[in-house]
Protein backbone atom coordinates (compact mmCIF):
# COMPACT_ATOMS: atom_id res chain seq x y z
CA UNK A 1 -17.34 12.71 3.81
CA UNK A 2 -13.60 12.05 4.25
CA UNK A 3 -14.39 9.10 6.50
CA UNK A 4 -16.77 7.68 3.89
CA UNK A 5 -14.19 8.10 1.12
CA UNK A 6 -11.55 6.42 3.30
CA UNK A 7 -13.91 3.51 3.96
CA UNK A 8 -14.67 3.28 0.21
CA UNK A 9 -10.94 3.07 -0.62
CA UNK A 10 -9.98 0.67 2.14
CA UNK A 11 -12.97 -1.69 2.48
CA UNK A 12 -13.96 -4.28 -0.12
CA UNK A 13 -17.18 -4.83 1.87
CA UNK A 14 -18.23 -1.17 1.60
CA UNK A 15 -17.26 -0.99 -2.08
CA UNK A 16 -19.05 -4.21 -3.05
CA UNK A 17 -22.19 -3.36 -1.09
CA UNK A 18 -22.26 0.19 -2.45
CA UNK A 19 -21.85 -0.91 -6.08
CA UNK A 20 -24.45 -3.68 -5.69
CA UNK A 21 -26.87 -1.26 -4.04
CA UNK A 22 -26.39 1.34 -6.77
CA UNK A 23 -26.82 -1.16 -9.62
CA UNK A 24 -29.82 -2.78 -7.92
CA UNK A 25 -31.46 0.60 -7.39
CA UNK A 26 -30.89 1.51 -11.04
CA UNK A 27 -32.21 -1.83 -12.25
CA UNK A 28 -35.29 -1.72 -10.02
CA UNK A 29 -35.96 1.88 -11.05
CA UNK A 30 -35.80 0.99 -14.76
CA UNK A 31 -37.89 -2.17 -14.39
CA UNK A 32 -40.38 -0.38 -12.11
CA UNK A 33 -40.75 2.47 -14.58
CA UNK A 34 -41.31 0.06 -17.47
CA UNK A 35 -43.86 -1.94 -15.46
CA UNK A 36 -45.63 1.22 -14.35
CA UNK A 37 -45.83 2.47 -17.93
CA UNK A 38 -47.09 -0.88 -19.20
CA UNK A 39 -49.72 -1.15 -16.46
CA UNK A 40 -50.86 2.44 -16.99
CA UNK A 41 -51.09 1.92 -20.75
CA UNK A 42 -53.05 -1.31 -20.27
CA UNK A 43 -55.50 0.25 -17.82
CA UNK A 44 -56.08 3.27 -20.05
CA UNK A 45 -56.40 1.07 -23.14
CA UNK A 46 -58.98 -1.10 -21.44
CA UNK A 47 -60.91 1.98 -20.28
CA UNK A 48 -60.77 3.46 -23.79
CA UNK A 49 -62.13 0.25 -25.33
CA UNK A 50 -64.94 0.04 -22.77
CA UNK A 51 -65.75 3.73 -23.20
CA UNK A 52 -66.01 3.47 -26.98
CA UNK A 53 -68.20 0.38 -26.71
CA UNK A 54 -70.46 2.01 -24.14
CA UNK A 55 -70.68 5.30 -26.09
CA UNK A 56 -71.59 3.39 -29.27
CA UNK A 57 -74.40 1.58 -27.47
CA UNK A 58 -75.68 4.77 -25.87
CA UNK A 59 -75.52 6.67 -29.17
CA UNK A 60 -77.40 3.92 -31.04
CA UNK A 61 -79.99 3.71 -28.30
CA UNK A 62 -80.47 7.51 -28.31
CA UNK A 63 -80.83 7.52 -32.12
CA UNK A 64 -83.40 4.74 -31.90
CA UNK A 65 -85.41 6.62 -29.30
CA UNK A 66 -85.27 9.79 -31.38
CA UNK A 67 -86.43 7.93 -34.48
CA UNK A 68 -89.29 6.34 -32.50
CA UNK A 69 -90.78 9.70 -31.62
CA UNK A 70 -92.01 10.07 -35.21
CA UNK A 71 -94.43 7.14 -34.98
CA UNK A 72 -95.08 6.76 -31.24
CA UNK A 73 -97.44 9.23 -29.73
CA UNK A 74 -96.54 8.19 -26.21
CA UNK A 75 -92.88 9.08 -26.69
CA UNK A 76 -92.17 12.79 -26.64
CA UNK A 77 -89.04 14.31 -28.23
CA UNK A 78 -88.39 16.48 -25.19
CA UNK A 79 -88.53 13.42 -22.95
CA UNK A 80 -85.97 11.61 -25.09
CA UNK A 81 -83.64 14.65 -25.09
CA UNK A 82 -83.95 14.91 -21.31
CA UNK A 83 -83.13 11.24 -20.94
CA UNK A 84 -79.99 11.75 -23.03
CA UNK A 85 -78.75 14.41 -20.59
CA UNK A 86 -79.85 12.49 -17.51
CA UNK A 87 -76.91 11.22 -15.43
CA UNK A 88 -76.46 10.70 -11.71
CA UNK A 89 -75.98 14.07 -10.02
CA UNK A 90 -73.04 13.01 -7.87
CA UNK A 91 -69.53 14.24 -7.17
CA UNK A 92 -67.28 14.40 -10.23
CA UNK A 93 -64.73 12.09 -8.54
CA UNK A 94 -67.16 9.14 -8.70
CA UNK A 95 -69.21 10.06 -11.81
CA UNK A 96 -69.45 7.35 -14.47
CA UNK A 97 -70.03 9.46 -17.61
CA UNK A 98 -71.08 12.88 -18.91
CA UNK A 99 -72.89 14.04 -22.09
CA UNK A 100 -72.54 17.06 -24.34
CA UNK A 101 -74.94 17.71 -27.25
CA UNK A 102 -73.87 20.33 -29.80
CA UNK A 103 -75.48 21.32 -33.12
CA UNK A 104 -73.43 21.05 -36.26
CA UNK A 105 -72.56 24.38 -37.90
CA UNK A 106 -75.37 23.95 -40.47
CA UNK A 107 -77.91 23.12 -37.76
CA UNK A 108 -76.71 26.00 -35.60
CA UNK A 109 -77.73 28.43 -38.36
CA UNK A 110 -81.34 27.29 -37.94
CA UNK A 111 -81.58 26.49 -34.23
CA UNK A 112 -79.59 25.24 -31.25
CA UNK A 113 -82.50 24.60 -28.92
CA UNK A 114 -81.31 21.08 -28.03
CA UNK A 115 -77.74 22.10 -27.18
CA UNK A 116 -76.75 21.21 -23.64
CA UNK A 117 -74.65 19.14 -21.26
CA UNK A 118 -74.94 17.17 -18.09
CA UNK A 119 -73.77 18.54 -14.72
CA UNK A 120 -72.77 21.95 -16.06
CA UNK A 121 -69.92 20.85 -18.29
CA UNK A 122 -67.83 23.45 -20.10
CA UNK A 123 -68.57 23.17 -23.85
CA UNK A 124 -65.17 24.58 -24.78
CA UNK A 125 -63.38 21.34 -23.87
CA UNK A 126 -64.50 19.93 -27.24
CA UNK A 127 -62.13 21.63 -29.64
CA UNK A 128 -63.07 22.45 -33.23
CA UNK A 129 -60.59 20.01 -34.75
CA UNK A 130 -62.07 17.03 -32.93
CA UNK A 131 -65.61 18.20 -33.81
CA UNK A 132 -64.61 18.32 -37.47
CA UNK A 133 -63.30 14.73 -37.26
CA UNK A 134 -66.58 13.60 -35.70
CA UNK A 135 -68.61 15.21 -38.52
CA UNK A 136 -66.33 13.92 -41.28
CA UNK A 137 -66.21 10.26 -40.17
CA UNK A 138 -69.22 8.03 -39.79
CA UNK A 139 -67.44 5.92 -37.20
CA UNK A 140 -67.11 6.88 -33.57
CA UNK A 141 -64.09 9.06 -32.73
CA UNK A 142 -62.33 9.16 -29.36
CA UNK A 143 -59.39 10.76 -27.56
CA UNK A 144 -58.07 11.72 -24.11
CA UNK A 145 -58.83 15.17 -22.71
CA UNK A 146 -59.33 17.15 -19.51
CA UNK A 147 -62.99 17.34 -18.42
CA UNK A 148 -63.83 20.79 -17.03
CA UNK A 149 -66.89 21.87 -15.07
CA UNK A 150 -68.17 25.40 -14.77
CA UNK A 151 -67.54 25.29 -11.02
CA UNK A 152 -63.79 24.85 -11.71
CA UNK A 153 -63.39 21.11 -11.15
CA UNK A 154 -61.10 19.36 -13.64
CA UNK A 155 -60.47 15.65 -14.16
CA UNK A 156 -58.72 13.61 -16.79
CA UNK A 157 -61.03 11.63 -19.03
CA UNK A 158 -61.96 10.16 -22.40
CA UNK A 159 -64.31 11.75 -24.95
CA UNK A 160 -66.13 9.66 -27.51
CA UNK A 161 -68.02 11.56 -30.23
CA UNK A 162 -70.51 10.74 -33.00
CA UNK A 163 -73.48 12.37 -34.75
CA UNK A 164 -77.18 11.80 -34.30
CA UNK A 165 -80.19 13.05 -36.24
CA UNK A 166 -83.06 14.65 -34.42
CA UNK A 167 -86.41 14.57 -36.25
CA UNK A 168 -86.93 17.47 -38.64
CA UNK A 169 -83.46 16.58 -40.12
CA UNK A 170 -81.48 18.43 -37.48
CA UNK A 171 -77.98 16.89 -37.15
CA UNK A 172 -76.31 17.16 -33.75
CA UNK A 173 -72.97 16.04 -32.38
CA UNK A 174 -73.20 13.92 -29.26
CA UNK A 175 -70.17 13.46 -26.99
CA UNK A 176 -69.93 11.01 -24.13
CA UNK A 177 -67.20 11.80 -21.59
CA UNK A 178 -65.84 9.17 -19.21
CA UNK A 179 -63.70 10.36 -16.26
CA UNK A 180 -60.46 8.43 -15.53
CA UNK A 181 -60.57 9.12 -11.80
CA UNK A 182 -60.90 5.50 -10.75
CA UNK A 183 -58.24 4.40 -13.21
CA UNK A 184 -55.85 7.06 -11.94
CA UNK A 185 -56.47 5.99 -8.36
CA UNK A 186 -55.84 2.38 -9.35
CA UNK A 187 -52.64 3.28 -11.19
CA UNK A 188 -51.49 5.42 -8.24
CA UNK A 189 -52.08 2.50 -5.88
CA UNK A 190 -50.19 0.12 -8.19
CA UNK A 191 -47.28 2.58 -8.54
CA UNK A 192 -47.11 3.07 -4.76
CA UNK A 193 -47.04 -0.71 -4.28
CA UNK A 194 -44.34 -1.02 -6.96
CA UNK A 195 -42.08 1.61 -5.36
CA UNK A 196 -42.64 0.27 -1.85
CA UNK A 197 -41.83 -3.23 -3.10
CA UNK A 198 -38.76 -1.84 -4.90
CA UNK A 199 -37.55 -0.08 -1.76
CA UNK A 200 -38.04 -3.24 0.32
CA UNK A 201 -36.28 -5.26 -2.36
CA UNK A 202 -33.36 -2.84 -2.45
CA UNK A 203 -33.07 -3.02 1.34
CA UNK A 204 -33.14 -6.82 1.25
CA UNK A 205 -30.52 -6.90 -1.53
CA UNK A 206 -28.32 -4.53 0.46
CA UNK A 207 -28.61 -6.66 3.60
CA UNK A 208 -27.99 -9.91 1.71
CA UNK A 209 -25.01 -8.40 -0.12
CA UNK A 210 -23.58 -7.05 3.13
CA UNK A 211 -24.00 -10.42 4.81
CA UNK A 212 -22.63 -12.56 1.95
CA UNK A 213 -19.77 -10.19 1.16
CA UNK A 214 -18.96 -9.91 4.86
CA UNK A 215 -18.71 -13.70 5.11
CA UNK A 216 -16.27 -13.70 2.21
CA UNK A 217 -14.32 -10.60 3.21
CA UNK A 218 -13.95 -11.55 6.89
CA UNK A 219 -11.27 -14.23 6.25
CA UNK A 220 -9.50 -11.88 3.82
CA UNK A 221 -9.55 -9.08 6.39
CA UNK A 222 -8.27 -11.48 9.03
CA UNK A 223 -5.51 -12.60 6.66
CA UNK A 224 -4.53 -8.95 6.04
CA UNK A 225 -4.38 -8.23 9.79
CA UNK A 226 -2.31 -11.33 10.51
CA UNK A 227 -0.01 -10.49 7.55
CA UNK A 228 0.55 -7.05 9.07
CA UNK A 229 1.37 -8.67 12.43
CA UNK A 230 3.76 -11.07 10.69
CA UNK A 231 5.41 -8.08 9.06
CA UNK A 232 5.72 -6.43 12.47
CA UNK A 233 7.57 -9.51 13.78
CA UNK A 234 4.85 -11.61 15.41
CA UNK A 235 5.62 -14.81 13.51
CA UNK A 236 3.43 -17.02 15.68
CA UNK A 237 0.07 -15.78 14.36
CA UNK A 238 -2.01 -18.12 12.22
CA UNK A 239 -5.33 -18.04 10.38
CA UNK A 240 -8.31 -20.04 11.66
CA UNK A 241 -9.27 -22.75 9.16
CA UNK A 242 -13.02 -22.82 8.54
CA UNK A 243 -14.33 -25.48 6.20
CA UNK A 244 -12.81 -27.08 3.12
CA UNK A 245 -13.79 -24.53 0.48
CA UNK A 246 -11.53 -22.05 -1.32
CA UNK A 247 -11.24 -19.84 1.79
CA UNK A 248 -10.34 -22.87 3.90
CA UNK A 249 -7.62 -23.87 1.43
CA UNK A 250 -6.41 -20.26 1.41
CA UNK A 251 -6.12 -20.32 5.22
CA UNK A 252 -4.19 -23.61 5.11
CA UNK A 253 -1.81 -22.30 2.43
CA UNK A 254 -1.38 -19.02 4.34
CA UNK A 255 -0.51 -20.87 7.57
CA UNK A 256 1.97 -23.10 5.74
CA UNK A 257 3.55 -20.03 4.17
CA UNK A 258 3.77 -18.32 7.59
CA UNK A 259 5.34 -21.44 9.11
CA UNK A 260 7.86 -21.70 6.29
CA UNK A 261 8.63 -17.99 6.64
CA UNK A 262 9.11 -18.37 10.39
CA UNK A 263 11.47 -21.30 9.89
CA UNK A 264 13.46 -19.48 7.22
CA UNK A 265 13.75 -16.34 9.35
CA UNK A 266 14.83 -18.42 12.34
CA UNK A 267 17.49 -20.13 10.26
CA UNK A 268 18.69 -16.80 8.87
CA UNK A 269 18.76 -15.28 12.37
CA UNK A 270 20.79 -18.21 13.65
CA UNK A 271 23.12 -17.96 10.68
CA UNK A 272 23.44 -14.21 11.18
CA UNK A 273 24.23 -14.68 14.87
CA UNK A 274 26.81 -17.32 13.99
CA UNK A 275 28.38 -15.04 11.40
CA UNK A 276 28.45 -12.09 13.79
CA UNK A 277 29.93 -14.24 16.54
CA UNK A 278 32.47 -15.68 14.12
CA UNK A 279 33.56 -12.21 12.97
CA UNK A 280 33.76 -10.97 16.55
CA UNK A 281 35.63 -14.02 17.83
CA UNK A 282 38.04 -14.11 14.90
CA UNK A 283 38.71 -10.38 15.22
CA UNK A 284 39.46 -10.70 18.92
CA UNK A 285 41.51 -13.87 18.54
CA UNK A 286 43.63 -12.35 15.78
CA UNK A 287 44.56 -9.43 18.02
CA UNK A 288 47.11 -11.40 20.08
CA UNK A 289 49.10 -13.02 17.23
CA UNK A 290 48.88 -9.80 15.25
CA UNK A 291 50.45 -7.88 18.14
CA UNK A 292 53.32 -10.37 18.23
CA UNK A 293 53.76 -10.22 14.47
CA UNK A 294 53.73 -6.41 14.59
CA UNK A 295 56.40 -6.34 17.28
CA UNK A 296 58.63 -8.68 15.25
CA UNK A 297 58.00 -6.77 12.02
CA UNK A 298 58.72 -3.47 13.78
CA UNK A 299 62.16 -4.82 14.81
CA UNK A 300 62.86 -5.75 11.20
CA UNK A 301 61.53 -2.40 9.97
CA UNK A 302 63.75 -0.45 12.40
CA UNK A 303 66.80 -2.46 11.29
CA UNK A 304 66.04 -2.21 7.56
CA UNK A 305 69.05 0.09 6.98
CA UNK A 306 71.37 -2.78 7.93
CA UNK A 307 69.67 -5.18 5.50
CA UNK A 308 70.18 -5.68 1.82
CA UNK A 309 67.79 -3.74 -0.45
CA UNK A 310 65.49 -6.71 -1.07
CA UNK A 311 65.15 -7.50 2.64
CA UNK A 312 64.65 -3.81 3.48
CA UNK A 313 61.82 -3.53 0.94
CA UNK A 314 60.26 -6.69 2.33
CA UNK A 315 60.34 -5.18 5.83
CA UNK A 316 58.58 -2.03 4.54
CA UNK A 317 55.89 -4.07 2.74
CA UNK A 318 55.42 -6.24 5.82
CA UNK A 319 54.82 -3.31 8.18
CA UNK A 320 52.42 -1.67 5.63
CA UNK A 321 50.33 -4.83 5.27
CA UNK A 322 50.27 -5.34 9.04
CA UNK A 323 48.91 -1.78 9.45
CA UNK A 324 46.29 -2.56 6.83
CA UNK A 325 45.44 -5.77 8.67
CA UNK A 326 45.06 -3.87 11.93
CA UNK A 327 42.73 -1.39 10.25
CA UNK A 328 40.62 -4.24 8.88
CA UNK A 329 40.42 -5.88 12.31
CA UNK A 330 39.40 -2.58 13.89
CA UNK A 331 36.66 -2.12 11.30
CA UNK A 332 35.44 -5.69 11.76
CA UNK A 333 35.25 -5.24 15.52
CA UNK A 334 33.28 -2.02 15.05
CA UNK A 335 30.89 -3.74 12.65
CA UNK A 336 30.36 -6.57 15.12
CA UNK A 337 29.50 -4.00 17.80
CA UNK A 338 26.93 -2.45 15.50
CA UNK A 339 25.42 -5.86 14.72
CA UNK A 340 25.25 -6.71 18.42
CA UNK A 341 23.81 -3.25 19.16
CA UNK A 342 26.60 -2.76 21.67
CA UNK A 343 27.88 0.54 20.29
CA UNK A 344 27.84 3.26 22.94
CA UNK A 345 28.13 7.03 22.42
CA UNK A 346 30.39 9.11 24.63
CA UNK A 347 28.88 12.57 24.16
CA UNK A 348 30.88 15.78 24.46
CA UNK A 349 30.39 19.32 23.21
CA UNK A 350 32.66 19.61 20.20
CA UNK A 351 33.53 22.38 17.75
CA UNK A 352 32.84 20.67 14.42
CA UNK A 353 34.99 23.19 12.52
CA UNK A 354 38.07 22.40 14.62
CA UNK A 355 37.40 18.68 14.21
CA UNK A 356 37.26 19.08 10.42
CA UNK A 357 40.51 21.06 10.40
CA UNK A 358 42.30 18.45 12.53
CA UNK A 359 41.24 15.60 10.26
CA UNK A 360 42.19 17.60 7.15
CA UNK A 361 45.64 18.41 8.52
CA UNK A 362 46.25 14.75 9.32
CA UNK A 363 45.17 13.52 5.87
CA UNK A 364 46.53 15.97 3.36
CA UNK A 365 48.44 19.16 2.72
CA UNK A 366 46.06 22.16 2.79
CA UNK A 367 46.95 23.20 -0.77
CA UNK A 368 44.49 20.80 -2.50
CA UNK A 369 41.75 21.11 0.12
CA UNK A 370 39.58 24.13 0.96
CA UNK A 371 37.37 24.54 4.03
CA UNK A 372 34.37 26.88 3.90
CA UNK A 373 33.25 27.42 7.49
CA UNK A 374 31.70 30.21 9.58
CA UNK A 375 34.00 32.47 11.60
CA UNK A 376 32.26 31.56 14.87
CA UNK A 377 32.36 28.08 16.47
CA UNK A 378 29.89 25.46 15.25
CA UNK A 379 29.29 23.24 18.28
CA UNK A 380 27.27 20.09 18.85
CA UNK A 381 26.99 17.36 21.49
CA UNK A 382 28.46 14.32 19.73
CA UNK A 383 30.86 11.43 20.20
CA UNK A 384 34.08 13.06 18.88
CA UNK A 385 35.76 9.71 18.12
CA UNK A 386 32.92 8.52 15.89
CA UNK A 387 32.40 11.88 14.17
CA UNK A 388 36.14 12.10 13.51
CA UNK A 389 35.96 8.63 11.96
CA UNK A 390 33.07 9.71 9.70
CA UNK A 391 34.97 12.84 8.61
CA UNK A 392 38.15 10.84 8.04
CA UNK A 393 36.31 8.39 5.79
CA UNK A 394 34.55 11.11 3.77
CA UNK A 395 37.59 13.39 3.36
CA UNK A 396 40.02 10.58 2.59
CA UNK A 397 37.62 9.12 -0.01
CA UNK A 398 37.20 12.58 -1.57
CA UNK A 399 40.97 13.06 -1.77
CA UNK A 400 41.48 9.58 -3.24
CA UNK A 401 38.82 10.09 -5.93
CA UNK A 402 39.33 13.80 -6.70
CA UNK A 403 41.89 13.07 -9.43
CA UNK A 404 43.87 16.07 -8.19
CA UNK A 405 41.03 18.54 -8.85
CA UNK A 406 40.73 19.60 -5.22
CA UNK A 407 38.23 19.04 -2.44
CA UNK A 408 35.86 21.56 -0.84
CA UNK A 409 34.55 21.02 2.69
CA UNK A 410 31.62 23.18 3.73
CA UNK A 411 30.33 23.58 7.28
CA UNK A 412 26.94 25.17 8.07
CA UNK A 413 24.35 25.13 10.83
CA UNK A 414 20.67 25.86 11.51
CA UNK A 415 18.81 26.28 14.78
CA UNK A 416 19.04 22.63 15.76
CA UNK A 417 21.27 20.97 13.12
CA UNK A 418 24.88 20.97 11.96
CA UNK A 419 25.86 20.00 8.42
CA UNK A 420 29.19 19.04 6.86
CA UNK A 421 29.46 18.69 3.09
CA UNK A 422 32.46 17.11 1.36
CA UNK A 423 32.61 17.90 -2.37
CA UNK A 424 35.10 16.57 -4.87
CA UNK A 425 35.26 17.00 -8.65
CA UNK A 426 36.78 13.66 -9.54
CA UNK A 427 35.46 10.45 -11.02
CA UNK A 428 32.10 10.49 -9.17
CA UNK A 429 29.84 7.44 -9.33
CA UNK A 430 26.96 6.13 -11.43
CA UNK A 431 23.43 5.36 -10.33
CA UNK A 432 24.13 1.63 -10.25
CA UNK A 433 27.20 2.21 -8.08
CA UNK A 434 25.28 4.62 -5.86
CA UNK A 435 22.74 1.94 -4.97
CA UNK A 436 25.51 -0.05 -3.26
CA UNK A 437 27.58 2.84 -2.00
CA UNK A 438 27.03 2.09 1.70
CA UNK A 439 27.12 -1.73 1.43
CA UNK A 440 29.73 -3.55 3.47
CA UNK A 441 32.85 -4.75 1.64
CA UNK A 442 31.62 -3.25 -1.64
CA UNK A 443 34.07 -1.35 -3.81
CA UNK A 444 33.23 0.58 -6.97
CA UNK A 445 36.65 -0.23 -8.45
CA UNK A 446 38.35 -3.18 -6.71
CA UNK A 447 41.64 -2.54 -8.48
CA UNK A 448 41.82 1.05 -7.17
CA UNK A 449 40.81 -0.10 -3.69
CA UNK A 450 43.54 -2.71 -3.60
CA UNK A 451 46.01 -0.11 -4.72
CA UNK A 452 44.99 2.35 -1.99
CA UNK A 453 44.38 -0.30 0.67
CA UNK A 454 40.66 0.23 1.35
CA UNK A 455 38.57 -2.38 3.19
CA UNK A 456 35.16 -1.51 1.78
CA UNK A 457 33.79 -0.86 5.29
CA UNK A 458 34.47 2.87 5.64
CA UNK A 459 31.19 4.26 4.31
CA UNK A 460 29.16 1.47 5.94
CA UNK A 461 30.67 2.33 9.34
CA UNK A 462 30.24 6.06 8.67
CA UNK A 463 26.54 5.50 7.98
CA UNK A 464 26.13 3.47 11.19
CA UNK A 465 27.89 6.20 13.19
CA UNK A 466 25.65 8.90 11.68
CA UNK A 467 22.48 6.93 12.43
CA UNK A 468 23.73 6.23 15.95
CA UNK A 469 23.70 10.03 16.44
CA UNK A 470 20.15 10.13 14.94
CA UNK A 471 21.68 11.98 12.00
CA UNK A 472 21.74 11.36 8.26
CA UNK A 473 24.40 10.72 5.66
CA UNK A 474 23.42 11.44 2.06
CA UNK A 475 25.34 11.28 -1.20
CA UNK A 476 25.05 12.82 -4.63
CA UNK A 477 27.21 11.88 -7.58
CA UNK A 478 27.58 11.78 -11.31
CA UNK A 479 30.31 10.19 -13.41
CA UNK A 480 33.20 12.60 -14.22
CA UNK A 481 31.48 15.41 -12.27
CA UNK A 482 32.49 14.32 -8.78
CA UNK A 483 30.56 13.50 -5.66
CA UNK A 484 29.03 15.29 -2.70
CA UNK A 485 28.57 13.67 0.70
CA UNK A 486 26.53 15.52 3.33
CA UNK A 487 26.54 14.65 7.03
CA UNK A 488 23.70 16.21 9.08
CA UNK A 489 23.72 15.91 12.89
CA UNK A 490 21.43 17.24 15.61
CA UNK A 491 23.11 19.76 17.90
CA UNK A 492 21.68 18.02 20.95
CA UNK A 493 20.75 14.35 21.48
CA UNK A 494 17.09 13.46 21.15
CA UNK A 495 16.15 16.36 18.86
CA UNK A 496 14.96 15.03 15.49
CA UNK A 497 16.33 16.57 12.32
CA UNK A 498 13.79 18.94 10.79
CA UNK A 499 15.98 20.75 8.25
CA UNK A 500 19.26 20.31 6.40
CA UNK A 501 21.75 23.21 6.56
CA UNK A 502 23.49 21.86 3.42
CA UNK A 503 21.57 20.49 0.44
CA UNK A 504 22.81 17.17 -0.87
CA UNK A 505 22.64 18.40 -4.49
CA UNK A 506 25.46 20.99 -4.77
CA UNK A 507 24.88 24.45 -6.21
CA UNK A 508 27.26 23.76 -9.11
CA UNK A 509 25.46 20.57 -10.14
CA UNK A 510 24.13 20.56 -13.75
CA UNK A 511 20.38 20.92 -14.21
CA UNK A 512 20.11 17.72 -16.26
CA UNK A 513 19.34 14.32 -14.77
CA UNK A 514 21.15 13.86 -11.46
CA UNK A 515 21.43 11.02 -9.01
CA UNK A 516 20.86 11.50 -5.32
CA UNK A 517 21.23 8.73 -2.75
CA UNK A 518 19.39 9.02 0.54
CA UNK A 519 20.29 6.73 3.41
CA UNK A 520 16.59 5.99 3.79
CA UNK A 521 16.81 4.10 0.47
CA UNK A 522 19.37 1.69 1.84
């Protein structure tokens, strides 16, 4: 059942064929039922008309014979009565007609000597209401009924009744009964042919629909498969062009789109390689003159006490900007390594708690920063240089944006994961800002970044370092309520993260609408 439902959801061919088959079956059933009813009604109507006509002739003939007995000595009344009851003594399934002769209530008071029936019919099948109608109306009366024999046989039939007068003014009711056996057999044969024809027609419709729909869906399915391969990176696949109809034009347009896409991607890849090479080359080439400039500026900075105040301040600004320039070059070189996929991990077993304390001591006085860590070591196999860089970026950003409200660093672990959460209660960030939080060279507030000397690459590099360890870096934030960054790392390389020791949404977060940024969204 699940496989059928999956095919119904994913296959236009199955859906179209199924719907067509269902609607065709319904239509054929309705039309077949209407035709069957019309044919049955026509057959029964024709039989009723013939039965009434035949009964009228037989009744008139019997009345004429009865009347003739009064003036013909060679015609005996008993002989005429016997002839009325005489029918072929054959099986009820092939009998043509039956006769019942009943006295009217007035006649029955005098005598019922002529009462009888052919082939042992049950008199009770003629109900009193119909008998009353026959007596009250001079015309012949008829209706459908079930013909019953005393031996238990029952068949559907038609009864046609009228009255006749037997000499001596005795009025009797005469009923001719016509079985519908042949008509029922005919109708059954017609219905069987109708349903067999309907079933064959449904099968043919299903096969034609499957074939025609398959011819239409096949190019669409092929286009979907090739589109998936294009998405996977195989840009050389193309659709086969068959004919000049709409599907042929679709294939031509699809191939042109794929070619244009391939050319655009190739141009973008070349441009990206040129940009990466330019950044890498410029970063390396700037190292040598920057070293010379730093040496010269360091001489001026060391001798600033012998300079006038303006020159001394210039020497201080110069050395600060050179340090900022060196940081930018270092970040650019690291980014170029990531782009070239040349970053290499140097794994060591490290106590994450000690690493956090070292970074915190280097960045800020412990008075405004609190560390919540277990008493026992929290170790993991990581690249200490890269993890220290991640922690430095997160803690320094938290200190810069805490607005003096303090920073809390929490360390926790599970069976196979280590988590570090950095929480500040400062300016936070909005949802729009959060969408670009890990973009390169992006700054939420450029004026603040220029004041503090940021490059806009810190969080982007931190994210790359975390992913290089097969870890995650997530962020939560809300304006004026601070931010919470959570780094989750596997304790050993190659073990996927199955749980998070620290939730990205902090416990003190308000229950109203919050914003959480997952690195998977980037």
